[in-house]
C-alpha cells in the first residue's frame, strides 16, 4: 500500500530543497529517518545539513525511528543560531 506524506521545509532547508513543501508517495513501512535520507538524496544541499537539523512529525520533535502513516506531516527544521 502507498501512503502520502507532506514534507515542509523551513529556513535553510527550504533554500536547499528549492521549495517550501512537497508530497512523497511512499511504502507504508518507511521510517521517518528513511524519508529524511530520501529527501537528502533528492536535494544534495539538504543532505549536508542532516546532522544539524531537527525533524518533526505531526508537530512533535521526533527521533526518526517512527513508522510513517498516510497523511503524516514532516517538518525539516534547520539549526537555529542566536545569541
N, C-alpha and C. Protein backbone atom coordinates (compact mmCIF):
# COMPACT_ATOMS: atom_id res chain seq x y z
N UNK A 1 0.84 -1.18 0.00
CA UNK A 1 0.00 0.00 0.00
C UNK A 1 0.88 1.25 0.00
N UNK A 2 0.45 2.25 -0.71
CA UNK A 2 1.19 3.51 -0.79
C UNK A 2 0.55 4.53 0.13
N UNK A 3 1.39 5.32 0.80
CA UNK A 3 0.90 6.39 1.66
C UNK A 3 1.41 7.73 1.12
N UNK A 4 0.72 8.79 1.50
CA UNK A 4 1.14 10.14 1.12
C UNK A 4 1.60 10.87 2.38
N UNK A 5 2.77 11.49 2.29
CA UNK A 5 3.35 12.24 3.41
C UNK A 5 3.78 13.60 2.88
N UNK A 6 3.42 14.65 3.60
CA UNK A 6 3.82 16.00 3.22
C UNK A 6 5.08 16.36 3.99
N UNK A 7 6.06 16.93 3.29
CA UNK A 7 7.29 17.41 3.92
C UNK A 7 7.32 18.93 3.79
N UNK A 8 7.51 19.58 4.92
CA UNK A 8 7.61 21.04 4.97
C UNK A 8 9.07 21.43 5.22
N UNK A 9 9.54 22.40 4.48
CA UNK A 9 10.91 22.88 4.61
C UNK A 9 10.89 24.30 5.16
N UNK A 10 11.81 24.59 6.10
CA UNK A 10 11.88 25.91 6.72
C UNK A 10 13.31 26.45 6.64
N UNK A 11 13.43 27.78 6.52
CA UNK A 11 14.74 28.43 6.54
C UNK A 11 15.72 27.86 5.53
N UNK A 12 16.88 27.45 6.03
CA UNK A 12 17.94 26.92 5.16
C UNK A 12 17.51 25.64 4.45
N UNK A 13 16.66 24.84 5.09
CA UNK A 13 16.22 23.61 4.42
C UNK A 13 15.33 23.95 3.22
N UNK A 14 14.57 25.02 3.34
CA UNK A 14 13.74 25.49 2.22
C UNK A 14 14.62 25.93 1.06
N UNK A 15 15.68 26.66 1.37
CA UNK A 15 16.62 27.09 0.33
C UNK A 15 17.28 25.89 -0.32
N UNK A 16 17.68 24.91 0.48
CA UNK A 16 18.37 23.72 -0.05
C UNK A 16 17.46 22.88 -0.93
N UNK A 17 16.19 22.79 -0.57
CA UNK A 17 15.25 21.98 -1.35
C UNK A 17 14.68 22.75 -2.54
N UNK A 18 14.77 24.08 -2.48
CA UNK A 18 14.24 24.90 -3.57
C UNK A 18 12.72 24.99 -3.56
N UNK A 19 12.11 24.70 -2.41
CA UNK A 19 10.65 24.76 -2.28
C UNK A 19 10.28 24.77 -0.81
N UNK A 20 9.05 25.16 -0.53
CA UNK A 20 8.57 25.22 0.85
C UNK A 20 7.99 23.89 1.31
N UNK A 21 7.47 23.11 0.36
CA UNK A 21 6.90 21.82 0.72
C UNK A 21 6.82 20.92 -0.50
N UNK A 22 6.67 19.63 -0.24
CA UNK A 22 6.43 18.67 -1.30
C UNK A 22 5.78 17.44 -0.70
N UNK A 23 5.17 16.66 -1.58
CA UNK A 23 4.49 15.45 -1.14
C UNK A 23 5.23 14.23 -1.66
N UNK A 24 5.38 13.26 -0.81
CA UNK A 24 6.02 12.00 -1.17
C UNK A 24 5.00 10.89 -1.13
N UNK A 25 5.10 9.98 -2.08
CA UNK A 25 4.29 8.76 -2.10
C UNK A 25 5.25 7.64 -1.74
N UNK A 26 4.98 6.97 -0.63
CA UNK A 26 5.93 6.03 -0.04
C UNK A 26 5.26 4.69 0.28
N UNK A 27 6.10 3.70 0.57
CA UNK A 27 5.57 2.45 1.08
C UNK A 27 5.23 2.66 2.55
N UNK A 28 4.22 1.99 3.03
CA UNK A 28 3.75 2.24 4.39
C UNK A 28 4.73 1.80 5.47
N UNK A 29 5.73 1.03 5.12
CA UNK A 29 6.68 0.56 6.13
C UNK A 29 7.87 1.50 6.31
N UNK A 30 7.90 2.62 5.61
CA UNK A 30 9.05 3.52 5.66
C UNK A 30 9.10 4.27 6.99
N UNK A 31 10.33 4.43 7.51
CA UNK A 31 10.52 5.20 8.74
C UNK A 31 10.76 6.67 8.40
N UNK A 32 10.61 7.49 9.41
CA UNK A 32 10.88 8.91 9.26
C UNK A 32 12.32 9.14 8.84
N UNK A 33 13.24 8.43 9.45
CA UNK A 33 14.66 8.55 9.12
C UNK A 33 14.92 8.23 7.63
N UNK A 34 14.26 7.20 7.12
CA UNK A 34 14.42 6.82 5.71
C UNK A 34 13.88 7.90 4.79
N UNK A 35 12.79 8.54 5.19
CA UNK A 35 12.24 9.64 4.39
C UNK A 35 13.21 10.81 4.35
N UNK A 36 13.80 11.15 5.48
CA UNK A 36 14.76 12.26 5.53
C UNK A 36 15.96 11.93 4.65
N UNK A 37 16.41 10.69 4.68
CA UNK A 37 17.51 10.27 3.80
C UNK A 37 17.11 10.39 2.33
N UNK A 38 15.88 10.01 2.01
CA UNK A 38 15.37 10.11 0.63
C UNK A 38 15.33 11.57 0.17
N UNK A 39 14.84 12.45 1.04
CA UNK A 39 14.79 13.88 0.70
C UNK A 39 16.21 14.42 0.49
N UNK A 40 17.15 13.98 1.32
CA UNK A 40 18.55 14.40 1.17
C UNK A 40 19.16 13.90 -0.12
N UNK A 41 18.77 12.70 -0.55
CA UNK A 41 19.28 12.16 -1.81
C UNK A 41 18.74 12.95 -3.01
N UNK A 42 17.53 13.46 -2.87
CA UNK A 42 16.92 14.23 -3.96
C UNK A 42 17.38 15.69 -3.97
N UNK A 43 17.79 16.19 -2.82
CA UNK A 43 18.23 17.58 -2.69
C UNK A 43 19.60 17.56 -2.01
N UNK A 44 20.66 17.54 -2.81
CA UNK A 44 22.02 17.35 -2.30
C UNK A 44 22.40 18.32 -1.18
N UNK A 45 22.02 19.58 -1.32
CA UNK A 45 22.38 20.56 -0.29
C UNK A 45 21.69 20.28 1.04
N UNK A 46 20.55 19.63 0.96
CA UNK A 46 19.82 19.26 2.18
C UNK A 46 20.57 18.19 2.96
N UNK A 47 21.17 17.26 2.27
CA UNK A 47 21.88 16.18 2.96
C UNK A 47 23.07 16.72 3.75
N UNK A 48 23.63 17.85 3.34
CA UNK A 48 24.75 18.45 4.06
C UNK A 48 24.34 18.97 5.44
N UNK A 49 23.06 19.24 5.62
CA UNK A 49 22.54 19.76 6.88
C UNK A 49 22.00 18.67 7.79
N UNK A 50 22.01 17.46 7.32
CA UNK A 50 21.33 16.34 8.01
C UNK A 50 21.71 16.23 9.49
N UNK A 51 22.97 16.36 9.81
CA UNK A 51 23.42 16.16 11.19
C UNK A 51 22.96 17.27 12.13
N UNK A 52 22.67 18.44 11.59
CA UNK A 52 22.35 19.57 12.46
C UNK A 52 20.88 19.97 12.45
N UNK A 53 20.08 19.40 11.57
CA UNK A 53 18.67 19.78 11.52
C UNK A 53 17.82 18.93 12.47
N UNK A 54 16.71 19.49 12.88
CA UNK A 54 15.74 18.75 13.66
C UNK A 54 14.60 18.31 12.75
N UNK A 55 13.96 17.23 13.13
CA UNK A 55 12.85 16.70 12.34
C UNK A 55 11.64 16.58 13.24
N UNK A 56 10.51 17.08 12.75
CA UNK A 56 9.26 16.97 13.50
C UNK A 56 8.28 16.13 12.70
N UNK A 57 7.52 15.34 13.41
CA UNK A 57 6.47 14.51 12.81
C UNK A 57 5.16 14.94 13.45
N UNK A 58 4.26 15.49 12.62
CA UNK A 58 2.97 15.96 13.10
C UNK A 58 3.13 16.92 14.28
N UNK A 59 4.03 17.89 14.10
CA UNK A 59 4.28 18.99 15.03
C UNK A 59 4.95 18.58 16.34
N UNK A 60 5.58 17.41 16.37
CA UNK A 60 6.32 16.95 17.55
C UNK A 60 7.73 16.57 17.11
N UNK A 61 8.76 17.04 17.82
CA UNK A 61 10.13 16.65 17.50
C UNK A 61 10.20 15.13 17.60
N UNK A 62 10.83 14.51 16.61
CA UNK A 62 10.82 13.05 16.51
C UNK A 62 12.24 12.49 16.50
N UNK A 63 12.35 11.21 16.80
CA UNK A 63 13.65 10.54 16.85
C UNK A 63 14.11 10.05 15.49
N UNK A 64 13.16 9.77 14.61
CA UNK A 64 13.48 9.24 13.29
C UNK A 64 13.11 7.79 13.12
N UNK A 65 12.88 7.10 14.21
CA UNK A 65 12.56 5.66 14.16
C UNK A 65 11.08 5.40 13.90
N UNK A 66 10.26 6.45 13.98
CA UNK A 66 8.82 6.30 13.82
C UNK A 66 8.45 5.80 12.42
N UNK A 67 7.45 4.94 12.34
CA UNK A 67 6.91 4.48 11.06
C UNK A 67 5.92 5.54 10.57
N UNK A 68 6.02 5.87 9.29
CA UNK A 68 5.14 6.88 8.72
C UNK A 68 3.77 6.28 8.38
N UNK A 69 2.76 7.14 8.49
CA UNK A 69 1.39 6.75 8.16
C UNK A 69 0.84 7.73 7.13
N UNK A 70 -0.19 7.31 6.42
CA UNK A 70 -0.83 8.15 5.43
C UNK A 70 -1.31 9.45 6.09
N UNK A 71 -0.97 10.57 5.46
CA UNK A 71 -1.40 11.87 5.95
C UNK A 71 -0.45 12.53 6.93
N UNK A 72 0.65 11.86 7.29
CA UNK A 72 1.62 12.47 8.20
C UNK A 72 2.21 13.74 7.58
N UNK A 73 2.62 14.65 8.46
CA UNK A 73 3.30 15.88 8.03
C UNK A 73 4.65 15.90 8.74
N UNK A 74 5.69 16.01 7.92
CA UNK A 74 7.07 16.04 8.41
C UNK A 74 7.64 17.43 8.19
N UNK A 75 8.28 17.99 9.19
CA UNK A 75 8.92 19.31 9.04
C UNK A 75 10.42 19.14 9.24
N UNK A 76 11.19 19.70 8.32
CA UNK A 76 12.64 19.71 8.43
C UNK A 76 13.05 21.11 8.89
N UNK A 77 13.62 21.15 10.08
CA UNK A 77 13.88 22.42 10.75
C UNK A 77 15.40 22.62 10.81
N UNK A 78 15.89 23.74 10.24
CA UNK A 78 17.33 23.98 10.21
C UNK A 78 17.85 24.33 11.60
N UNK A 79 19.18 24.27 11.75
CA UNK A 79 19.75 24.69 13.02
C UNK A 79 19.43 26.17 13.26
N UNK A 80 19.20 26.49 14.51
CA UNK A 80 18.86 27.88 14.85
C UNK A 80 20.06 28.51 15.55
N UNK A 81 20.46 29.65 15.03
CA UNK A 81 21.56 30.40 15.65
C UNK A 81 20.97 31.56 16.42
N UNK A 82 21.61 31.91 17.45
CA UNK A 82 21.11 33.04 18.22
C UNK A 82 22.15 33.49 19.22
N UNK A 83 21.79 34.44 19.97
CA UNK A 83 22.75 34.88 20.95
C UNK A 83 22.27 36.01 21.65
